[in-house]
Amino acid sequence: MTAPAASALFLREAEVRRGIELLAFGHAALLRAGDELLAEQGLGRAHARALYFIARQPDLTVTQLLGFLGVTKQSLGRVLGELGERALVETRPGLQDRRQRLLQLTAAGQALEGELFERMRSKLAGAYASAGQGAVGGFWAVLDGLMSAEQKRLMASLD
């Protein structure tokens, strides 16, 4: 089924609502790619998000991870506690500031994160291939336009 073309009046309410709905349903579909694997591990999407960002930046501090995830300390503490109990994430003190907690994935954590990433990569790559290169660039530009300056700074720190 071919998606309807966007109206030239793309800022009308109907088009904005369609964009919101596409973003919501597309995001949910992308996340569902890893749900079965997470359920097998007794984990949820919050765990997957933490694993993802720790994999992207080993020695990430807890404070940095809080910024990436936008969750409370209490919520993150629960997630990190469960990941630690399952030997998926390990923490160690910072080099300059011993109060800092640096996060790294264990070998088991790397394997789980790698499988979760592969499932999402496959889903997203299929959608990208179907949409075409020009659409991918446009999609990225729209998402970039939605982000705050702080979110852009955080994303840039992952490069």
Protein backbone atom coordinates (compact mmCIF):
# COMPACT_ATOMS: atom_id res chain seq x y z
CA MET A 1 0.00 0.00 0.00
CA THR A 2 1.40 3.38 -1.01
CA ALA A 3 1.30 6.18 1.54
CA PRO A 4 -0.70 9.23 0.49
CA ALA A 5 1.36 12.15 -0.69
CA ALA A 6 1.73 15.07 1.66
CA SER A 7 -0.40 18.06 0.82
CA ALA A 8 1.37 21.18 -0.38
CA LEU A 9 -0.33 22.74 2.65
CA PHE A 10 1.68 20.53 5.01
CA LEU A 11 1.12 22.75 8.04
CA ARG A 12 -2.64 22.29 8.06
CA GLU A 13 -4.09 20.49 11.06
CA ALA A 14 -4.79 17.27 9.16
CA GLU A 15 -1.20 17.01 7.94
CA VAL A 16 0.28 17.84 11.35
CA ARG A 17 -1.95 15.23 12.99
CA ARG A 18 -0.89 12.67 10.37
CA GLY A 19 2.76 13.44 11.13
CA ILE A 20 2.21 13.01 14.86
CA GLU A 21 0.41 9.71 14.27
CA LEU A 22 3.09 8.41 11.89
CA LEU A 23 5.81 9.33 14.37
CA ALA A 24 3.97 7.66 17.26
CA PHE A 25 3.13 4.45 15.40
CA GLY A 26 6.53 4.26 13.68
CA HIS A 27 8.38 4.70 16.96
CA ALA A 28 6.23 2.03 18.62
CA ALA A 29 6.90 -0.39 15.74
CA LEU A 30 10.64 0.22 15.98
CA LEU A 31 10.65 -0.44 19.72
CA ARG A 32 8.56 -3.60 19.35
CA ALA A 33 11.41 -5.10 17.32
CA GLY A 34 13.22 -5.86 20.58
CA ASP A 35 10.28 -6.56 22.88
CA GLU A 36 10.35 -10.35 22.55
CA LEU A 37 14.04 -10.54 23.36
CA LEU A 38 13.62 -8.16 26.29
CA ALA A 39 10.71 -10.19 27.64
CA GLU A 40 12.83 -13.36 27.50
CA GLN A 41 15.35 -11.56 29.73
CA GLY A 42 12.68 -10.16 32.06
CA LEU A 43 13.63 -6.65 30.97
CA GLY A 44 11.76 -3.72 29.46
CA ARG A 45 12.30 -0.85 27.08
CA ALA A 46 13.88 1.34 29.77
CA HIS A 47 16.61 -1.28 30.12
CA ALA A 48 17.10 -1.36 26.35
CA ARG A 49 17.48 2.41 26.19
CA ALA A 50 20.09 2.38 28.97
CA LEU A 51 22.01 -0.45 27.28
CA TYR A 52 21.95 1.44 23.98
CA PHE A 53 23.47 4.65 25.34
CA ILE A 54 26.03 2.86 27.50
CA ALA A 55 27.11 0.92 24.40
CA ARG A 56 27.37 4.14 22.40
CA GLN A 57 29.61 5.78 24.98
CA PRO A 58 31.53 3.46 27.29
CA ASP A 59 32.48 5.11 30.59
CA LEU A 60 29.32 7.16 30.41
CA THR A 61 28.55 8.71 33.78
CA VAL A 62 25.24 8.17 35.51
CA THR A 63 24.60 11.92 35.21
CA GLN A 64 25.19 11.81 31.45
CA LEU A 65 22.87 8.82 31.11
CA LEU A 66 20.19 10.72 33.03
CA GLY A 67 20.50 13.48 30.43
CA PHE A 68 20.17 11.07 27.52
CA LEU A 69 17.18 9.25 28.95
CA GLY A 70 15.34 12.14 30.57
CA VAL A 71 14.20 10.02 33.52
CA THR A 72 14.36 10.50 37.27
CA LYS A 73 17.34 9.34 39.34
CA GLN A 74 15.06 6.89 41.12
CA SER A 75 13.86 5.34 37.85
CA LEU A 76 17.39 5.10 36.48
CA GLY A 77 18.63 3.65 39.76
CA ARG A 78 16.10 0.84 39.49
CA VAL A 79 17.05 0.12 35.86
CA LEU A 80 20.80 0.18 36.55
CA GLY A 81 20.32 -1.98 39.63
CA GLU A 82 18.52 -4.63 37.60
CA LEU A 83 21.11 -4.48 34.80
CA GLY A 84 23.87 -4.83 37.38
CA GLU A 85 22.18 -7.78 39.09
CA ARG A 86 21.98 -9.53 35.71
CA ALA A 87 25.69 -8.81 35.08
CA LEU A 88 24.88 -6.75 31.97
CA VAL A 89 26.32 -3.44 33.21
CA GLU A 90 29.19 -2.74 35.57
CA THR A 91 30.13 0.48 37.29
CA ARG A 92 33.44 1.79 38.48
CA PRO A 93 34.51 5.03 40.14
CA GLY A 94 35.67 7.96 38.02
CA LEU A 95 39.38 8.60 37.58
CA GLN A 96 39.40 12.24 38.73
CA ASP A 97 36.26 12.19 40.86
CA ARG A 98 35.87 8.92 42.76
CA ARG A 99 32.21 9.80 43.48
CA GLN A 100 31.45 9.55 39.78
CA ARG A 101 30.10 6.23 38.59
CA LEU A 102 31.29 5.22 35.12
CA LEU A 103 29.12 2.71 33.27
CA GLN A 104 30.25 -0.06 30.92
CA LEU A 105 28.55 -3.05 29.39
CA THR A 106 29.83 -6.47 30.34
CA ALA A 107 30.37 -9.05 27.58
CA ALA A 108 26.82 -10.30 28.22
CA GLY A 109 25.52 -6.73 28.08
CA GLN A 110 27.32 -6.14 24.79
CA ALA A 111 25.81 -9.30 23.33
CA LEU A 112 22.28 -8.36 24.40
CA GLU A 113 22.60 -4.76 23.23
CA GLY A 114 24.06 -5.98 19.92
CA GLU A 115 21.08 -8.26 19.32
CA LEU A 116 18.60 -5.54 20.26
CA PHE A 117 20.38 -3.08 17.96
CA GLU A 118 20.41 -5.58 15.10
CA ARG A 119 16.66 -6.09 15.37
CA MET A 120 16.01 -2.35 15.30
CA ARG A 121 18.63 -1.76 12.59
CA SER A 122 16.96 -4.33 10.38
CA LYS A 123 13.53 -2.76 10.87
CA LEU A 124 14.78 0.78 10.26
CA ALA A 125 17.00 -0.20 7.32
CA GLY A 126 14.00 -1.80 5.61
CA ALA A 127 11.96 1.36 6.08
CA TYR A 128 14.85 3.52 4.84
CA ALA A 129 15.30 1.34 1.75
CA SER A 130 11.60 1.52 1.00
CA ALA A 131 11.45 5.30 1.40
CA GLY A 132 14.60 6.11 -0.60
CA GLN A 133 17.65 8.25 0.11
CA GLY A 134 15.90 11.61 -0.32
CA ALA A 135 13.19 10.67 2.13
CA VAL A 136 15.75 9.58 4.72
CA GLY A 137 17.47 12.97 4.60
CA GLY A 138 14.12 14.72 4.91
CA PHE A 139 13.12 12.48 7.83
CA TRP A 140 16.37 13.29 9.63
CA ALA A 141 15.83 17.01 9.00
CA VAL A 142 12.33 16.87 10.49
CA LEU A 143 13.54 14.98 13.57
CA ASP A 144 16.44 17.42 13.96
CA GLY A 145 13.93 20.27 13.83
CA LEU A 146 12.00 18.73 16.72
CA MET A 147 15.03 18.57 19.05
CA SER A 148 15.97 21.26 21.55
CA ALA A 149 19.44 22.77 21.58
CA GLU A 150 20.28 20.61 24.64
CA GLN A 151 19.15 17.44 22.87
CA LYS A 152 21.28 18.36 19.85
CA ARG A 153 24.26 18.90 22.16
CA LEU A 154 23.70 15.51 23.79
CA MET A 155 23.41 13.80 20.42
CA ALA A 156 26.59 15.49 19.18
CA SER A 157 28.43 14.12 22.21
CA LEU A 158 27.78 10.59 20.91
CA ASP A 159 29.81 11.12 17.73
